[in-house]
Structure formats: C-alpha cells, structure tokens
Amino acid sequence: MKIGYARVSTEAQSTELQVAQLEAAGCERIFRDEAVSGARAKRPALTRALAACTDGDVLIVTRLDRLGRSLSHLIDTVHELRGRNVGFSSLAESIDTTSATGTLVFHLLGALAQFERSLIAERTTAGLAAARARGVRFGRPPVLSPAQLEHARILYGLGKSHREIALLLKISRATIYRALPVNS
C-alpha cells in the first residue's frame, strides 16, 4: 500500500497541493499535519503515518523537507522504515528506496550528512582547543576566588577544620574538601 504524508508549517498554507500530488502518485491513505513546523519532534499525523506503514508498504512525501526536520532525522526515519521492510519515496527529488538507484541516492545523501557532521565535530574541537590556548576557561566558574582559596589554606594551616573553614567562608564543606584535600 502507498501511504502519503503531507505537512505545512503555517495556518496560511494548505496541504491541498501536496494531497493532489500524493493522490496522483497512487497513495491510498494520506496523513496531514497542518500548521506544524518540521522542527517539532512531535507531529501527530507523521506518527500515525509511520505507525500505519506495514511490511511492503511505501511512505511517500512530495519533498524531503516535508518528512525530516534535518538530514540526520530523515536518514534515521528511513532506516527505521527499511528495518520494517517499508519503502520510502520523495516525489520532487525522485528518490525511491524500493529501487536500487533510489537506495543509492539515499545512501549518498546519508554519506554527505555523515561527512558534514564529522566536519562540524572537527571544527568544534579545533575551536575549543584554540580558545583554551588563548586562556578561555570552560565550565562552571570556581566557587572560591584565589584570595579565598589562600585564606582557606592559611586557616587550615592554623589548625581550623574543614567544617570551620566552610562556615567562616560561607561555602559548603564539599567545596573546601575539593580545594583542600585531607591529605594536603
């Protein structure tokens, strides 16, 4: 069975053109999400369309961006469908995973998406390393200033307990134990 999915992002738009294209492609059931952004993880009609797909069915959309909020989401969705022996077709891009050529095109898109994710990860790592080299400190700021830490060391040297130092500096004992380990 051919199952169609149509989506528009705003109330000013209509799914009618998509529905006409899906009907022309032979879809027997069509699910519609209206005024639903593709960026939303929860799309009720998409959830119902995916659930309606069974062994041997084909899910059809008019364009790839109607189904996936990102290329990685699209690839994940199509892989999940393939695991259930459900095909996928996008009319505008002429992708049909029920054919060898369509599967090849889809895999090429997936490879490009993976390449893009790897490049982003490399750039992020390089950017973080460059920032650290410039002295940028990441993470939560320290609770104790250098002056407070020195004051805590002096108090500890004078025999004050971790508990007493924490009370004097108005910080938690855990912070003092991290700053001044018992064996220091």
C-alpha atoms as a PDB file:
ATOM      1  CA  MET A   1       0.000   0.000   0.000  1.00  0.00           C
ATOM      2  CA  LYS A   2       1.182   3.536  -0.729  1.00  0.00           C
ATOM      3  CA  ILE A   3       0.814   5.847   2.261  1.00  0.00           C
ATOM      4  CA  GLY A   4       1.192   9.603   1.835  1.00  0.00           C
ATOM      5  CA  TYR A   5       2.292  12.256   4.299  1.00  0.00           C
ATOM      6  CA  ALA A   6       1.702  15.981   3.780  1.00  0.00           C
ATOM      7  CA  ARG A   7       2.775  18.843   6.050  1.00  0.00           C
ATOM      8  CA  VAL A   8       2.558  22.624   6.041  1.00  0.00           C
ATOM      9  CA  SER A   9       4.171  24.914   8.596  1.00  0.00           C
ATOM     10  CA  THR A  10       1.593  27.686   8.977  1.00  0.00           C
ATOM     11  CA  GLU A  11      -2.177  28.064   9.030  1.00  0.00           C
ATOM     12  CA  ALA A  12      -1.934  30.323   5.978  1.00  0.00           C
ATOM     13  CA  GLN A  13      -0.694  27.365   3.929  1.00  0.00           C
ATOM     14  CA  SER A  14      -2.720  24.433   2.662  1.00  0.00           C
ATOM     15  CA  THR A  15      -1.889  20.773   2.171  1.00  0.00           C
ATOM     16  CA  GLU A  16      -4.222  20.545  -0.828  1.00  0.00           C
ATOM     17  CA  LEU A  17      -1.480  20.720  -3.496  1.00  0.00           C
ATOM     18  CA  GLN A  18       0.567  18.055  -1.677  1.00  0.00           C
ATOM     19  CA  VAL A  19      -2.515  15.866  -1.251  1.00  0.00           C
ATOM     20  CA  ALA A  20      -3.283  16.165  -5.002  1.00  0.00           C
ATOM     21  CA  GLN A  21       0.303  15.121  -5.833  1.00  0.00           C
ATOM     22  CA  LEU A  22       0.149  12.204  -3.390  1.00  0.00           C
ATOM     23  CA  GLU A  23      -3.180  11.035  -4.822  1.00  0.00           C
ATOM     24  CA  ALA A  24      -1.709  11.249  -8.352  1.00  0.00           C
ATOM     25  CA  ALA A  25       1.188   9.077  -7.118  1.00  0.00           C
ATOM     26  CA  GLY A  26      -1.342   6.422  -6.071  1.00  0.00           C
ATOM     27  CA  CYS A  27      -1.491   6.934  -2.298  1.00  0.00           C
ATOM     28  CA  GLU A  28      -4.424   5.108  -0.753  1.00  0.00           C
ATOM     29  CA  ARG A  29      -4.113   6.762   2.666  1.00  0.00           C
ATOM     30  CA  ILE A  30      -2.841  10.280   3.282  1.00  0.00           C
ATOM     31  CA  PHE A  31      -1.950  11.791   6.639  1.00  0.00           C
ATOM     32  CA  ARG A  32      -1.768  15.577   7.072  1.00  0.00           C
ATOM     33  CA  ASP A  33      -0.041  17.808   9.609  1.00  0.00           C
ATOM     34  CA  GLU A  34      -1.262  21.376   9.243  1.00  0.00           C
ATOM     35  CA  ALA A  35       0.388  24.385  10.899  1.00  0.00           C
ATOM     36  CA  VAL A  36       3.115  22.106  12.271  1.00  0.00           C
ATOM     37  CA  SER A  37       6.763  23.099  11.925  1.00  0.00           C
ATOM     38  CA  GLY A  38       9.136  20.470  10.611  1.00  0.00           C
ATOM     39  CA  ALA A  39      11.398  21.334  13.549  1.00  0.00           C
ATOM     40  CA  ARG A  40       8.845  19.942  16.010  1.00  0.00           C
ATOM     41  CA  ALA A  41       9.677  16.477  17.202  1.00  0.00           C
ATOM     42  CA  LYS A  42       6.011  15.653  17.800  1.00  0.00           C
ATOM     43  CA  ARG A  43       3.951  15.650  14.632  1.00  0.00           C
ATOM     44  CA  PRO A  44       0.751  13.677  15.253  1.00  0.00           C
ATOM     45  CA  ALA A  45      -0.066  12.821  11.624  1.00  0.00           C
ATOM     46  CA  LEU A  46       3.523  11.721  10.949  1.00  0.00           C
ATOM     47  CA  THR A  47       3.399   9.467  13.988  1.00  0.00           C
ATOM     48  CA  ARG A  48       0.147   7.924  12.703  1.00  0.00           C
ATOM     49  CA  ALA A  49       1.536   7.588   9.154  1.00  0.00           C
ATOM     50  CA  LEU A  50       4.666   5.799  10.372  1.00  0.00           C
ATOM     51  CA  ALA A  51       2.542   3.507  12.557  1.00  0.00           C
ATOM     52  CA  ALA A  52       0.246   2.713   9.600  1.00  0.00           C
ATOM     53  CA  CYS A  53       3.158   1.515   7.456  1.00  0.00           C
ATOM     54  CA  THR A  54       3.485  -2.256   7.432  1.00  0.00           C
ATOM     55  CA  ASP A  55       5.620  -4.808   5.608  1.00  0.00           C
ATOM     56  CA  GLY A  56       5.764  -3.999   1.886  1.00  0.00           C
ATOM     57  CA  ASP A  57       4.200  -0.517   2.138  1.00  0.00           C
ATOM     58  CA  VAL A  58       5.784   2.665   0.764  1.00  0.00           C
ATOM     59  CA  LEU A  59       5.684   6.011   2.576  1.00  0.00           C
ATOM     60  CA  ILE A  60       5.509   8.852   0.051  1.00  0.00           C
ATOM     61  CA  VAL A  61       6.130  12.581   0.526  1.00  0.00           C
ATOM     62  CA  THR A  62       6.117  15.366  -2.048  1.00  0.00           C
ATOM     63  CA  ARG A  63       9.511  16.738  -0.925  1.00  0.00           C
ATOM     64  CA  LEU A  64      12.166  15.517   1.513  1.00  0.00           C
ATOM     65  CA  ASP A  65      11.746  18.538   3.800  1.00  0.00           C
ATOM     66  CA  ARG A  66       8.124  17.520   4.453  1.00  0.00           C
ATOM     67  CA  LEU A  67       9.336  14.441   6.334  1.00  0.00           C
ATOM     68  CA  GLY A  68      12.591  15.310   8.083  1.00  0.00           C
ATOM     69  CA  ARG A  69      13.495  18.260  10.265  1.00  0.00           C
ATOM     70  CA  SER A  70      17.139  17.621   9.409  1.00  0.00           C
ATOM     71  CA  LEU A  71      19.014  15.283   7.109  1.00  0.00           C
ATOM     72  CA  SER A  72      20.071  13.128  10.053  1.00  0.00           C
ATOM     73  CA  HIS A  73      16.434  12.869  11.227  1.00  0.00           C
ATOM     74  CA  LEU A  74      15.370  11.980   7.700  1.00  0.00           C
ATOM     75  CA  ILE A  75      18.020   9.273   7.436  1.00  0.00           C
ATOM     76  CA  ASP A  76      17.073   7.839  10.824  1.00  0.00           C
ATOM     77  CA  THR A  77      13.405   7.739   9.827  1.00  0.00           C
ATOM     78  CA  VAL A  78      14.110   5.998   6.509  1.00  0.00           C
ATOM     79  CA  HIS A  79      16.435   3.469   8.190  1.00  0.00           C
ATOM     80  CA  GLU A  80      13.711   2.728  10.730  1.00  0.00           C
ATOM     81  CA  LEU A  81      11.247   2.201   7.855  1.00  0.00           C
ATOM     82  CA  ARG A  82      13.684  -0.048   5.996  1.00  0.00           C
ATOM     83  CA  GLY A  83      14.095  -2.166   9.142  1.00  0.00           C
ATOM     84  CA  ARG A  84      10.343  -2.802   8.957  1.00  0.00           C
ATOM     85  CA  ASN A  85      10.555  -3.575   5.199  1.00  0.00           C
ATOM     86  CA  VAL A  86       8.791  -0.297   4.332  1.00  0.00           C
ATOM     87  CA  GLY A  87       9.934   1.702   1.315  1.00  0.00           C
ATOM     88  CA  PHE A  88      10.244   5.479   1.073  1.00  0.00           C
ATOM     89  CA  SER A  89       9.663   7.797  -1.861  1.00  0.00           C
ATOM     90  CA  SER A  90      10.055  11.539  -2.345  1.00  0.00           C
ATOM     91  CA  LEU A  91       8.372  12.816  -5.490  1.00  0.00           C
ATOM     92  CA  ALA A  92      10.320  16.081  -6.038  1.00  0.00           C
ATOM     93  CA  GLU A  93      13.756  14.504  -5.607  1.00  0.00           C
ATOM     94  CA  SER A  94      12.832  11.285  -7.447  1.00  0.00           C
ATOM     95  CA  ILE A  95      14.072   9.178  -4.563  1.00  0.00           C
ATOM     96  CA  ASP A  96      12.511   5.756  -4.226  1.00  0.00           C
ATOM     97  CA  THR A  97      14.205   3.352  -1.839  1.00  0.00           C
ATOM     98  CA  THR A  98      12.278   0.468  -3.371  1.00  0.00           C
ATOM     99  CA  SER A  99      14.661   0.699  -6.371  1.00  0.00           C
ATOM    100  CA  ALA A 100      18.417   0.197  -6.437  1.00  0.00           C
ATOM    101  CA  THR A 101      19.032   3.693  -7.839  1.00  0.00           C
ATOM    102  CA  GLY A 102      16.844   5.336  -5.203  1.00  0.00           C
ATOM    103  CA  THR A 103      18.639   3.460  -2.453  1.00  0.00           C
ATOM    104  CA  LEU A 104      21.988   4.579  -3.883  1.00  0.00           C
ATOM    105  CA  VAL A 105      20.900   8.236  -3.988  1.00  0.00           C
ATOM    106  CA  PHE A 106      19.615   7.998  -0.444  1.00  0.00           C
ATOM    107  CA  HIS A 107      22.875   6.429   0.764  1.00  0.00           C
ATOM    108  CA  LEU A 108      24.851   9.190  -0.954  1.00  0.00           C
ATOM    109  CA  LEU A 109      22.778  11.771   0.905  1.00  0.00           C
ATOM    110  CA  GLY A 110      23.439   9.873   4.129  1.00  0.00           C
ATOM    111  CA  ALA A 111      27.192   9.766   3.436  1.00  0.00           C
ATOM    112  CA  LEU A 112      27.213  13.508   2.783  1.00  0.00           C
ATOM    113  CA  ALA A 113      25.328  14.106   6.032  1.00  0.00           C
ATOM    114  CA  GLN A 114      27.826  11.985   7.975  1.00  0.00           C
ATOM    115  CA  PHE A 115      30.710  13.866   6.328  1.00  0.00           C
ATOM    116  CA  GLU A 116      29.109  17.175   7.308  1.00  0.00           C
ATOM    117  CA  ARG A 117      28.673  16.019  10.938  1.00  0.00           C
ATOM    118  CA  SER A 118      32.343  14.962  11.029  1.00  0.00           C
ATOM    119  CA  LEU A 119      33.480  18.337   9.693  1.00  0.00           C
ATOM    120  CA  ILE A 120      31.377  20.146  12.281  1.00  0.00           C
ATOM    121  CA  ALA A 121      32.849  17.999  15.063  1.00  0.00           C
ATOM    122  CA  GLU A 122      36.418  18.686  13.831  1.00  0.00           C
ATOM    123  CA  ARG A 123      35.779  22.437  13.647  1.00  0.00           C
ATOM    124  CA  THR A 124      34.249  22.427  17.113  1.00  0.00           C
ATOM    125  CA  THR A 125      37.216  20.538  18.581  1.00  0.00           C
ATOM    126  CA  ALA A 126      39.686  22.874  16.867  1.00  0.00           C
ATOM    127  CA  GLY A 127      37.762  25.929  18.075  1.00  0.00           C
ATOM    128  CA  LEU A 128      37.734  24.680  21.665  1.00  0.00           C
ATOM    129  CA  ALA A 129      41.477  23.942  21.537  1.00  0.00           C
ATOM    130  CA  ALA A 130      42.198  27.419  20.138  1.00  0.00           C
ATOM    131  CA  ALA A 131      40.060  29.015  22.845  1.00  0.00           C
ATOM    132  CA  ARG A 132      41.859  27.049  25.571  1.00  0.00           C
ATOM    133  CA  ALA A 133      45.211  28.170  24.098  1.00  0.00           C
ATOM    134  CA  ARG A 134      44.011  31.776  24.411  1.00  0.00           C
ATOM    135  CA  GLY A 135      43.252  31.116  28.075  1.00  0.00           C
ATOM    136  CA  VAL A 136      39.481  30.787  27.845  1.00  0.00           C
ATOM    137  CA  ARG A 137      38.177  28.705  30.709  1.00  0.00           C
ATOM    138  CA  PHE A 138      35.133  26.491  30.106  1.00  0.00           C
ATOM    139  CA  GLY A 139      32.681  25.125  32.599  1.00  0.00           C
ATOM    140  CA  ARG A 140      31.310  26.401  35.814  1.00  0.00           C
ATOM    141  CA  PRO A 141      33.241  29.275  37.396  1.00  0.00           C
ATOM    142  CA  PRO A 142      35.204  28.377  40.533  1.00  0.00           C
ATOM    143  CA  VAL A 143      33.363  28.905  43.816  1.00  0.00           C
ATOM    144  CA  LEU A 144      36.472  30.175  45.584  1.00  0.00           C
ATOM    145  CA  SER A 145      38.383  33.178  44.335  1.00  0.00           C
ATOM    146  CA  PRO A 146      42.187  32.953  44.516  1.00  0.00           C
ATOM    147  CA  ALA A 147      42.097  35.209  47.616  1.00  0.00           C
ATOM    148  CA  GLN A 148      39.501  32.996  49.325  1.00  0.00           C
ATOM    149  CA  LEU A 149      41.490  29.882  48.486  1.00  0.00           C
ATOM    150  CA  GLU A 150      44.634  31.410  50.017  1.00  0.00           C
ATOM    151  CA  HIS A 151      42.622  32.458  53.108  1.00  0.00           C
ATOM    152  CA  ALA A 152      41.294  28.873  53.411  1.00  0.00           C
ATOM    153  CA  ARG A 153      44.858  27.488  53.183  1.00  0.00           C
ATOM    154  CA  ILE A 154      46.029  29.841  55.950  1.00  0.00           C
ATOM    155  CA  LEU A 155      43.085  28.847  58.175  1.00  0.00           C
ATOM    156  CA  TYR A 156      43.795  25.167  57.517  1.00  0.00           C
ATOM    157  CA  GLY A 157      47.453  25.745  58.381  1.00  0.00           C
ATOM    158  CA  LEU A 158      46.362  27.309  61.673  1.00  0.00           C
ATOM    159  CA  GLY A 159      44.545  24.092  62.549  1.00  0.00           C
ATOM    160  CA  LYS A 160      40.983  25.000  61.602  1.00  0.00           C
ATOM    161  CA  SER A 161      38.824  22.076  60.462  1.00  0.00           C
ATOM    162  CA  HIS A 162      37.219  21.843  57.051  1.00  0.00           C
ATOM    163  CA  ARG A 163      33.843  22.422  58.715  1.00  0.00           C
ATOM    164  CA  GLU A 164      35.021  25.566  60.489  1.00  0.00           C
ATOM    165  CA  ILE A 165      36.578  26.959  57.309  1.00  0.00           C
ATOM    166  CA  ALA A 166      33.362  26.272  55.375  1.00  0.00           C
ATOM    167  CA  LEU A 167      31.328  28.124  57.996  1.00  0.00           C
ATOM    168  CA  LEU A 168      33.737  31.099  58.033  1.00  0.00           C
ATOM    169  CA  LEU A 169      33.797  31.405  54.235  1.00  0.00           C
ATOM    170  CA  LYS A 170      30.047  30.618  53.901  1.00  0.00           C
ATOM    171  CA  ILE A 171      30.557  27.797  51.427  1.00  0.00           C
ATOM    172  CA  SER A 172      29.897  24.062  51.518  1.00  0.00           C
ATOM    173  CA  ARG A 173      32.238  21.596  53.162  1.00  0.00           C
ATOM    174  CA  ALA A 174      32.464  19.718  49.862  1.00  0.00           C
ATOM    175  CA  THR A 175      33.977  22.811  48.244  1.00  0.00           C
ATOM    176  CA  ILE A 176      36.589  23.019  50.992  1.00  0.00           C
ATOM    177  CA  TYR A 177      37.388  19.302  50.728  1.00  0.00           C
ATOM    178  CA  ARG A 178      37.905  19.699  46.961  1.00  0.00           C
ATOM    179  CA  ALA A 179      40.101  22.774  47.456  1.00  0.00           C
ATOM    180  CA  LEU A 180      41.978  21.386  50.479  1.00  0.00           C
ATOM    181  CA  PRO A 181      42.077  17.589  50.414  1.00  0.00           C
ATOM    182  CA  VAL A 182      42.533  15.938  53.822  1.00  0.00           C
ATOM    183  CA  ASN A 183      45.988  14.629  52.848  1.00  0.00           C
ATOM    184  CA  SER A 184      47.314  18.069  51.799  1.00  0.00           C
END
